[in-house]
Amino acid sequence: SLLQVLVLYFAKSAELAEVRSENITVPHQVTSLQLWQELVRKHPRLAAIRDQVVLAVRQEYASLGDELLILHPGDEVAVIPLSGASSFADIYG
């Protein structure tokens, strides 16, 4: 089943996507990599930061890969480039 989530773009990802936030429609279950691929399909320039980005769902980090994300309507998905932060703690403190 499909649902809407709010994607928040931070730092370089916001520059590349040219948007700070948007609602997208995604499956209830999706891997972090599939979710990233959907974002790149909408904003091809995001591909430039593929190797230096993590996603955060409800402030839980997911690196891009086979990790299965269980999404709920209205969840916030943050796109966080790591280039400017030495660790996750620098972002959420």
PDB file of N, CA and C in Angstrom:
ATOM      1  N   SER A   1       0.845  -1.201   0.000  1.00  0.00           N
ATOM      2  CA  SER A   1       0.000   0.000   0.000  1.00  0.00           C
ATOM      3  C   SER A   1       0.879   1.248   0.000  1.00  0.00           C
ATOM      4  N   LEU A   2       0.374   2.303  -0.605  1.00  0.00           N
ATOM      5  CA  LEU A   2       1.142   3.539  -0.740  1.00  0.00           C
ATOM      6  C   LEU A   2       0.721   4.558   0.308  1.00  0.00           C
ATOM      7  N   LEU A   3       1.656   5.404   0.683  1.00  0.00           N
ATOM      8  CA  LEU A   3       1.352   6.454   1.648  1.00  0.00           C
ATOM      9  C   LEU A   3       2.240   7.651   1.381  1.00  0.00           C
ATOM     10  N   GLN A   4       1.913   8.765   2.010  1.00  0.00           N
ATOM     11  CA  GLN A   4       2.700   9.990   1.827  1.00  0.00           C
ATOM     12  C   GLN A   4       3.620  10.220   3.008  1.00  0.00           C
ATOM     13  N   VAL A   5       4.858  10.578   2.702  1.00  0.00           N
ATOM     14  CA  VAL A   5       5.800  10.993   3.730  1.00  0.00           C
ATOM     15  C   VAL A   5       6.355  12.356   3.355  1.00  0.00           C
ATOM     16  N   LEU A   6       6.879  13.050   4.352  1.00  0.00           N
ATOM     17  CA  LEU A   6       7.481  14.363   4.147  1.00  0.00           C
ATOM     18  C   LEU A   6       8.990  14.197   4.085  1.00  0.00           C
ATOM     19  N   VAL A   7       9.580  14.583   2.968  1.00  0.00           N
ATOM     20  CA  VAL A   7      11.032  14.506   2.821  1.00  0.00           C
ATOM     21  C   VAL A   7      11.625  15.880   3.120  1.00  0.00           C
ATOM     22  N   LEU A   8      12.604  15.898   4.014  1.00  0.00           N
ATOM     23  CA  LEU A   8      13.303  17.134   4.373  1.00  0.00           C
ATOM     24  C   LEU A   8      14.731  17.051   3.841  1.00  0.00           C
ATOM     25  N   TYR A   9      15.112  18.033   3.051  1.00  0.00           N
ATOM     26  CA  TYR A   9      16.449  18.042   2.458  1.00  0.00           C
ATOM     27  C   TYR A   9      17.332  19.018   3.231  1.00  0.00           C
ATOM     28  N   PHE A  10      18.514  18.550   3.619  1.00  0.00           N
ATOM     29  CA  PHE A  10      19.430  19.383   4.383  1.00  0.00           C
ATOM     30  C   PHE A  10      20.689  19.682   3.571  1.00  0.00           C
ATOM     31  N   ALA A  11      21.255  20.854   3.839  1.00  0.00           N
ATOM     32  CA  ALA A  11      22.573  21.239   3.318  1.00  0.00           C
ATOM     33  C   ALA A  11      22.649  21.028   1.800  1.00  0.00           C
ATOM     34  N   LYS A  12      23.660  20.298   1.368  1.00  0.00           N
ATOM     35  CA  LYS A  12      23.918  20.126  -0.068  1.00  0.00           C
ATOM     36  C   LYS A  12      22.734  19.469  -0.779  1.00  0.00           C
ATOM     37  N   SER A  13      22.015  18.591  -0.096  1.00  0.00           N
ATOM     38  CA  SER A  13      20.889  17.921  -0.756  1.00  0.00           C
ATOM     39  C   SER A  13      19.786  18.923  -1.113  1.00  0.00           C
ATOM     40  N   ALA A  14      19.589  19.929  -0.271  1.00  0.00           N
ATOM     41  CA  ALA A  14      18.587  20.956  -0.577  1.00  0.00           C
ATOM     42  C   ALA A  14      19.011  21.789  -1.782  1.00  0.00           C
ATOM     43  N   GLU A  15      20.315  22.063  -1.865  1.00  0.00           N
ATOM     44  CA  GLU A  15      20.841  22.796  -3.032  1.00  0.00           C
ATOM     45  C   GLU A  15      20.580  22.018  -4.317  1.00  0.00           C
ATOM     46  N   LEU A  16      20.894  20.726  -4.271  1.00  0.00           N
ATOM     47  CA  LEU A  16      20.794  19.906  -5.480  1.00  0.00           C
ATOM     48  C   LEU A  16      19.346  19.664  -5.877  1.00  0.00           C
ATOM     49  N   ALA A  17      18.494  19.431  -4.890  1.00  0.00           N
ATOM     50  CA  ALA A  17      17.081  19.169  -5.181  1.00  0.00           C
ATOM     51  C   ALA A  17      16.325  20.468  -5.473  1.00  0.00           C
ATOM     52  N   GLU A  18      16.920  21.580  -5.055  1.00  0.00           N
ATOM     53  CA  GLU A  18      16.288  22.899  -5.197  1.00  0.00           C
ATOM     54  C   GLU A  18      14.944  22.960  -4.493  1.00  0.00           C
ATOM     55  N   VAL A  19      14.853  22.240  -3.391  1.00  0.00           N
ATOM     56  CA  VAL A  19      13.648  22.256  -2.555  1.00  0.00           C
ATOM     57  C   VAL A  19      14.083  21.837  -1.154  1.00  0.00           C
ATOM     58  N   ARG A  20      13.447  22.415  -0.144  1.00  0.00           N
ATOM     59  CA  ARG A  20      13.822  22.067   1.233  1.00  0.00           C
ATOM     60  C   ARG A  20      12.969  20.946   1.800  1.00  0.00           C
ATOM     61  N   SER A  21      11.755  20.840   1.285  1.00  0.00           N
ATOM     62  CA  SER A  21      10.883  19.757   1.746  1.00  0.00           C
ATOM     63  C   SER A  21       9.825  19.503   0.699  1.00  0.00           C
ATOM     64  N   GLU A  22       9.302  18.283   0.701  1.00  0.00           N
ATOM     65  CA  GLU A  22       8.224  17.931  -0.225  1.00  0.00           C
ATOM     66  C   GLU A  22       7.565  16.650   0.265  1.00  0.00           C
ATOM     67  N   ASN A  23       6.318  16.482  -0.118  1.00  0.00           N
ATOM     68  CA  ASN A  23       5.632  15.225   0.153  1.00  0.00           C
ATOM     69  C   ASN A  23       5.828  14.297  -1.034  1.00  0.00           C
ATOM     70  N   ILE A  24       6.132  13.036  -0.737  1.00  0.00           N
ATOM     71  CA  ILE A  24       6.209  12.046  -1.812  1.00  0.00           C
ATOM     72  C   ILE A  24       5.375  10.824  -1.418  1.00  0.00           C
ATOM     73  N   THR A  25       4.982  10.076  -2.420  1.00  0.00           N
ATOM     74  CA  THR A  25       4.204   8.862  -2.204  1.00  0.00           C
ATOM     75  C   THR A  25       5.127   7.660  -2.344  1.00  0.00           C
ATOM     76  N   VAL A  26       5.137   6.820  -1.322  1.00  0.00           N
ATOM     77  CA  VAL A  26       6.045   5.670  -1.284  1.00  0.00           C
ATOM     78  C   VAL A  26       5.308   4.448  -0.741  1.00  0.00           C
ATOM     79  N   PRO A  27       5.880   3.262  -0.963  1.00  0.00           N
ATOM     80  CA  PRO A  27       5.298   2.068  -0.358  1.00  0.00           C
ATOM     81  C   PRO A  27       5.465   2.084   1.166  1.00  0.00           C
ATOM     82  N   HIS A  28       4.602   1.351   1.834  1.00  0.00           N
ATOM     83  CA  HIS A  28       4.667   1.212   3.295  1.00  0.00           C
ATOM     84  C   HIS A  28       5.999   0.596   3.720  1.00  0.00           C
ATOM     85  N   GLN A  29       6.485  -0.365   2.940  1.00  0.00           N
ATOM     86  CA  GLN A  29       7.787  -0.971   3.194  1.00  0.00           C
ATOM     87  C   GLN A  29       8.678  -0.735   1.987  1.00  0.00           C
ATOM     88  N   VAL A  30       9.869  -0.217   2.240  1.00  0.00           N
ATOM     89  CA  VAL A  30      10.802   0.093   1.157  1.00  0.00           C
ATOM     90  C   VAL A  30      12.206   0.044   1.747  1.00  0.00           C
ATOM     91  N   THR A  31      13.178  -0.373   0.958  1.00  0.00           N
ATOM     92  CA  THR A  31      14.542  -0.322   1.482  1.00  0.00           C
ATOM     93  C   THR A  31      15.051   1.112   1.400  1.00  0.00           C
ATOM     94  N   SER A  32      16.059   1.398   2.209  1.00  0.00           N
ATOM     95  CA  SER A  32      16.631   2.749   2.182  1.00  0.00           C
ATOM     96  C   SER A  32      17.161   3.077   0.790  1.00  0.00           C
ATOM     97  N   LEU A  33      17.724   2.073   0.113  1.00  0.00           N
ATOM     98  CA  LEU A  33      18.249   2.323  -1.235  1.00  0.00           C
ATOM     99  C   LEU A  33      17.119   2.604  -2.231  1.00  0.00           C
ATOM    100  N   GLN A  34      16.025   1.862  -2.134  1.00  0.00           N
ATOM    101  CA  GLN A  34      14.888   2.109  -3.028  1.00  0.00           C
ATOM    102  C   GLN A  34      14.317   3.503  -2.810  1.00  0.00           C
ATOM    103  N   LEU A  35      14.262   3.916  -1.554  1.00  0.00           N
ATOM    104  CA  LEU A  35      13.749   5.255  -1.247  1.00  0.00           C
ATOM    105  C   LEU A  35      14.681   6.309  -1.850  1.00  0.00           C
ATOM    106  N   TRP A  36      15.990   6.115  -1.691  1.00  0.00           N
ATOM    107  CA  TRP A  36      16.964   7.039  -2.284  1.00  0.00           C
ATOM    108  C   TRP A  36      16.798   7.091  -3.804  1.00  0.00           C
ATOM    109  N   GLN A  37      16.624   5.925  -4.422  1.00  0.00           N
ATOM    110  CA  GLN A  37      16.486   5.885  -5.879  1.00  0.00           C
ATOM    111  C   GLN A  37      15.243   6.655  -6.334  1.00  0.00           C
ATOM    112  N   GLU A  38      14.191   6.601  -5.542  1.00  0.00           N
ATOM    113  CA  GLU A  38      12.984   7.367  -5.865  1.00  0.00           C
ATOM    114  C   GLU A  38      13.266   8.872  -5.789  1.00  0.00           C
ATOM    115  N   LEU A  39      14.034   9.276  -4.783  1.00  0.00           N
ATOM    116  CA  LEU A  39      14.382  10.698  -4.658  1.00  0.00           C
ATOM    117  C   LEU A  39      15.259  11.149  -5.825  1.00  0.00           C
ATOM    118  N   VAL A  40      16.185  10.294  -6.243  1.00  0.00           N
ATOM    119  CA  VAL A  40      17.054  10.638  -7.367  1.00  0.00           C
ATOM    120  C   VAL A  40      16.257  10.686  -8.673  1.00  0.00           C
ATOM    121  N   ARG A  41      15.243   9.844  -8.786  1.00  0.00           N
ATOM    122  CA  ARG A  41      14.395   9.878  -9.973  1.00  0.00           C
ATOM    123  C   ARG A  41      13.693  11.242 -10.072  1.00  0.00           C
ATOM    124  N   LYS A  42      13.272  11.771  -8.933  1.00  0.00           N
ATOM    125  CA  LYS A  42      12.618  13.081  -8.915  1.00  0.00           C
ATOM    126  C   LYS A  42      13.625  14.217  -9.083  1.00  0.00           C
ATOM    127  N   HIS A  43      14.814  14.038  -8.533  1.00  0.00           N
ATOM    128  CA  HIS A  43      15.843  15.087  -8.523  1.00  0.00           C
ATOM    129  C   HIS A  43      17.178  14.461  -8.935  1.00  0.00           C
ATOM    130  N   PRO A  44      17.406  14.287 -10.239  1.00  0.00           N
ATOM    131  CA  PRO A  44      18.598  13.558 -10.708  1.00  0.00           C
ATOM    132  C   PRO A  44      19.922  14.102 -10.182  1.00  0.00           C
ATOM    133  N   ARG A  45      19.970  15.395  -9.876  1.00  0.00           N
ATOM    134  CA  ARG A  45      21.245  15.965  -9.404  1.00  0.00           C
ATOM    135  C   ARG A  45      21.671  15.400  -8.045  1.00  0.00           C
ATOM    136  N   LEU A  46      20.729  14.815  -7.314  1.00  0.00           N
ATOM    137  CA  LEU A  46      21.080  14.219  -6.018  1.00  0.00           C
ATOM    138  C   LEU A  46      22.090  13.072  -6.173  1.00  0.00           C
ATOM    139  N   ALA A  47      22.141  12.491  -7.358  1.00  0.00           N
ATOM    140  CA  ALA A  47      23.062  11.366  -7.575  1.00  0.00           C
ATOM    141  C   ALA A  47      24.501  11.742  -7.225  1.00  0.00           C
ATOM    142  N   ALA A  48      24.820  13.026  -7.300  1.00  0.00           N
ATOM    143  CA  ALA A  48      26.184  13.495  -7.027  1.00  0.00           C
ATOM    144  C   ALA A  48      26.624  13.210  -5.590  1.00  0.00           C
ATOM    145  N   ILE A  49      25.684  13.098  -4.658  1.00  0.00           N
ATOM    146  CA  ILE A  49      26.069  12.893  -3.257  1.00  0.00           C
ATOM    147  C   ILE A  49      25.736  11.483  -2.764  1.00  0.00           C
ATOM    148  N   ARG A  50      25.505  10.584  -3.708  1.00  0.00           N
ATOM    149  CA  ARG A  50      25.122   9.201  -3.382  1.00  0.00           C
ATOM    150  C   ARG A  50      25.993   8.566  -2.303  1.00  0.00           C
ATOM    151  N   ASP A  51      27.301   8.808  -2.363  1.00  0.00           N
ATOM    152  CA  ASP A  51      28.218   8.117  -1.452  1.00  0.00           C
ATOM    153  C   ASP A  51      28.436   8.843  -0.133  1.00  0.00           C
ATOM    154  N   GLN A  52      27.782   9.981   0.037  1.00  0.00           N
ATOM    155  CA  GLN A  52      28.006  10.729   1.286  1.00  0.00           C
ATOM    156  C   GLN A  52      26.689  11.201   1.873  1.00  0.00           C
ATOM    157  N   VAL A  53      25.701  10.311   1.857  1.00  0.00           N
ATOM    158  CA  VAL A  53      24.400  10.717   2.364  1.00  0.00           C
ATOM    159  C   VAL A  53      23.812   9.592   3.209  1.00  0.00           C
ATOM    160  N   VAL A  54      23.081   9.976   4.243  1.00  0.00           N
ATOM    161  CA  VAL A  54      22.264   9.013   4.981  1.00  0.00           C
ATOM    162  C   VAL A  54      20.837   9.535   5.006  1.00  0.00           C
ATOM    163  N   LEU A  55      19.914   8.627   5.216  1.00  0.00           N
ATOM    164  CA  LEU A  55      18.526   8.994   5.419  1.00  0.00           C
ATOM    165  C   LEU A  55      18.216   8.829   6.898  1.00  0.00           C
ATOM    166  N   ALA A  56      17.316   9.637   7.400  1.00  0.00           N
ATOM    167  CA  ALA A  56      16.862   9.466   8.774  1.00  0.00           C
ATOM    168  C   ALA A  56      15.339   9.432   8.746  1.00  0.00           C
ATOM    169  N   VAL A  57      14.778   8.377   9.313  1.00  0.00           N
ATOM    170  CA  VAL A  57      13.328   8.228   9.392  1.00  0.00           C
ATOM    171  C   VAL A  57      12.946   8.296  10.856  1.00  0.00           C
ATOM    172  N   ARG A  58      12.137   9.261  11.210  1.00  0.00           N
ATOM    173  CA  ARG A  58      11.787   9.480  12.621  1.00  0.00           C
ATOM    174  C   ARG A  58      13.065   9.570  13.469  1.00  0.00           C
ATOM    175  N   GLN A  59      14.070  10.252  12.933  1.00  0.00           N
ATOM    176  CA  GLN A  59      15.362  10.480  13.596  1.00  0.00           C
ATOM    177  C   GLN A  59      16.139   9.195  13.856  1.00  0.00           C
ATOM    178  N   GLU A  60      15.810   8.118  13.122  1.00  0.00           N
ATOM    179  CA  GLU A  60      16.611   6.894  13.152  1.00  0.00           C
ATOM    180  C   GLU A  60      17.385   6.830  11.838  1.00  0.00           C
ATOM    181  N   TYR A  61      18.704   6.660  11.926  1.00  0.00           N
ATOM    182  CA  TYR A  61      19.519   6.700  10.717  1.00  0.00           C
ATOM    183  C   TYR A  61      19.473   5.411   9.922  1.00  0.00           C
ATOM    184  N   ALA A  62      19.536   5.561   8.618  1.00  0.00           N
ATOM    185  CA  ALA A  62      19.621   4.416   7.717  1.00  0.00           C
ATOM    186  C   ALA A  62      20.603   4.770   6.608  1.00  0.00           C
ATOM    187  N   SER A  63      21.700   4.023   6.527  1.00  0.00           N
ATOM    188  CA  SER A  63      22.580   4.221   5.383  1.00  0.00           C
ATOM    189  C   SER A  63      21.923   3.559   4.179  1.00  0.00           C
ATOM    190  N   LEU A  64      22.368   3.942   2.988  1.00  0.00           N
ATOM    191  CA  LEU A  64      21.716   3.436   1.779  1.00  0.00           C
ATOM    192  C   LEU A  64      22.078   1.978   1.570  1.00  0.00           C
ATOM    193  N   GLY A  65      21.064   1.138   1.425  1.00  0.00           N
ATOM    194  CA  GLY A  65      21.325  -0.286   1.246  1.00  0.00           C
ATOM    195  C   GLY A  65      20.033  -1.079   1.373  1.00  0.00           C
ATOM    196  N   ASP A  66      20.166  -2.290   1.894  1.00  0.00           N
ATOM    197  CA  ASP A  66      19.033  -3.219   1.947  1.00  0.00           C
ATOM    198  C   ASP A  66      18.201  -3.072   3.204  1.00  0.00           C
ATOM    199  N   GLU A  67      18.537  -2.115   4.057  1.00  0.00           N
ATOM    200  CA  GLU A  67      17.784  -1.947   5.303  1.00  0.00           C
ATOM    201  C   GLU A  67      16.323  -1.628   4.987  1.00  0.00           C
ATOM    202  N   LEU A  68      15.428  -2.422   5.548  1.00  0.00           N
ATOM    203  CA  LEU A  68      14.005  -2.228   5.278  1.00  0.00           C
ATOM    204  C   LEU A  68      13.443  -1.147   6.197  1.00  0.00           C
ATOM    205  N   LEU A  69      12.813  -0.161   5.582  1.00  0.00           N
ATOM    206  CA  LEU A  69      12.177   0.907   6.344  1.00  0.00           C
ATOM    207  C   LEU A  69      10.672   0.649   6.363  1.00  0.00           C
ATOM    208  N   ILE A  70      10.086   0.719   7.541  1.00  0.00           N
ATOM    209  CA  ILE A  70       8.637   0.619   7.676  1.00  0.00           C
ATOM    210  C   ILE A  70       8.125   2.049   7.856  1.00  0.00           C
ATOM    211  N   LEU A  71       7.408   2.535   6.864  1.00  0.00           N
ATOM    212  CA  LEU A  71       6.981   3.929   6.871  1.00  0.00           C
ATOM    213  C   LEU A  71       5.511   4.048   7.265  1.00  0.00           C
ATOM    214  N   HIS A  72       5.190   5.161   7.888  1.00  0.00           N
ATOM    215  CA  HIS A  72       3.820   5.460   8.300  1.00  0.00           C
ATOM    216  C   HIS A  72       3.409   6.787   7.682  1.00  0.00           C
ATOM    217  N   PRO A  73       2.124   6.985   7.430  1.00  0.00           N
ATOM    218  CA  PRO A  73       1.680   8.247   6.828  1.00  0.00           C
ATOM    219  C   PRO A  73       2.189   9.443   7.640  1.00  0.00           C
ATOM    220  N   GLY A  74       2.765  10.412   6.926  1.00  0.00           N
ATOM    221  CA  GLY A  74       3.224  11.627   7.593  1.00  0.00           C
ATOM    222  C   GLY A  74       4.603  11.534   8.206  1.00  0.00           C
ATOM    223  N   ASP A  75       5.246  10.367   8.108  1.00  0.00           N
ATOM    224  CA  ASP A  75       6.616  10.264   8.621  1.00  0.00           C
ATOM    225  C   ASP A  75       7.508  11.308   7.962  1.00  0.00           C
ATOM    226  N   GLU A  76       8.506  11.749   8.718  1.00  0.00           N
ATOM    227  CA  GLU A  76       9.519  12.644   8.171  1.00  0.00           C
ATOM    228  C   GLU A  76      10.750  11.837   7.800  1.00  0.00           C
ATOM    229  N   VAL A  77      11.193  12.021   6.574  1.00  0.00           N
ATOM    230  CA  VAL A  77      12.413  11.384   6.089  1.00  0.00           C
ATOM    231  C   VAL A  77      13.412  12.492   5.809  1.00  0.00           C
ATOM    232  N   ALA A  78      14.507  12.507   6.535  1.00  0.00           N
ATOM    233  CA  ALA A  78      15.520  13.536   6.335  1.00  0.00           C
ATOM    234  C   ALA A  78      16.622  12.997   5.431  1.00  0.00           C
ATOM    235  N   VAL A  79      17.055  13.846   4.498  1.00  0.00           N
ATOM    236  CA  VAL A  79      18.174  13.521   3.612  1.00  0.00           C
ATOM    237  C   VAL A  79      19.365  14.332   4.100  1.00  0.00           C
ATOM    238  N   ILE A  80      20.386  13.633   4.612  1.00  0.00           N
ATOM    239  CA  ILE A  80      21.456  14.319   5.320  1.00  0.00           C
ATOM    240  C   ILE A  80      22.813  13.994   4.700  1.00  0.00           C
ATOM    241  N   PRO A  81      23.409  14.952   4.011  1.00  0.00           N
ATOM    242  CA  PRO A  81      24.772  14.750   3.495  1.00  0.00           C
ATOM    243  C   PRO A  81      25.754  14.779   4.668  1.00  0.00           C
ATOM    244  N   LEU A  82      26.716  13.871   4.642  1.00  0.00           N
ATOM    245  CA  LEU A  82      27.641  13.775   5.768  1.00  0.00           C
ATOM    246  C   LEU A  82      28.889  14.622   5.588  1.00  0.00           C
ATOM    247  N   SER A  83      29.030  15.251   4.426  1.00  0.00           N
ATOM    248  CA  SER A  83      30.281  15.958   4.159  1.00  0.00           C
ATOM    249  C   SER A  83      30.584  17.019   5.206  1.00  0.00           C
ATOM    250  N   GLY A  84      29.563  17.682   5.719  1.00  0.00           N
ATOM    251  CA  GLY A  84      29.815  18.763   6.660  1.00  0.00           C
ATOM    252  C   GLY A  84      29.808  18.336   8.113  1.00  0.00           C
ATOM    253  N   ALA A  85      29.468  17.083   8.384  1.00  0.00           N
ATOM    254  CA  ALA A  85      29.380  16.627   9.769  1.00  0.00           C
ATOM    255  C   ALA A  85      30.264  15.405   9.952  1.00  0.00           C
ATOM    256  N   SER A  86      31.048  15.403  11.010  1.00  0.00           N
ATOM    257  CA  SER A  86      31.965  14.280  11.181  1.00  0.00           C
ATOM    258  C   SER A  86      31.235  13.057  11.713  1.00  0.00           C
ATOM    259  N   SER A  87      30.078  13.257  12.338  1.00  0.00           N
ATOM    260  CA  SER A  87      29.332  12.109  12.852  1.00  0.00           C
ATOM    261  C   SER A  87      27.871  12.474  12.979  1.00  0.00           C
ATOM    262  N   PHE A  88      27.053  11.465  13.158  1.00  0.00           N
ATOM    263  CA  PHE A  88      25.612  11.675  13.325  1.00  0.00           C
ATOM    264  C   PHE A  88      25.341  12.597  14.518  1.00  0.00           C
ATOM    265  N   ALA A  89      26.152  12.454  15.559  1.00  0.00           N
ATOM    266  CA  ALA A  89      25.908  13.232  16.785  1.00  0.00           C
ATOM    267  C   ALA A  89      26.002  14.730  16.521  1.00  0.00           C
ATOM    268  N   ASP A  90      26.802  15.101  15.515  1.00  0.00           N
ATOM    269  CA  ASP A  90      26.932  16.526  15.189  1.00  0.00           C
ATOM    270  C   ASP A  90      25.611  17.093  14.671  1.00  0.00           C
ATOM    271  N   ILE A  91      24.779  16.218  14.123  1.00  0.00           N
ATOM    272  CA  ILE A  91      23.545  16.692  13.508  1.00  0.00           C
ATOM    273  C   ILE A  91      22.426  16.760  14.540  1.00  0.00           C
ATOM    274  N   TYR A  92      22.178  15.630  15.205  1.00  0.00           N
ATOM    275  CA  TYR A  92      21.058  15.611  16.156  1.00  0.00           C
ATOM    276  C   TYR A  92      21.519  15.892  17.576  1.00  0.00           C
ATOM    277  N   GLY A  93      22.834  15.931  17.779  1.00  0.00           N
ATOM    278  CA  GLY A  93      23.377  16.258  19.091  1.00  0.00           C
ATOM    279  C   GLY A  93      22.974  15.243  20.146  1.00  0.00           C
TER     280      GLY A  93
END
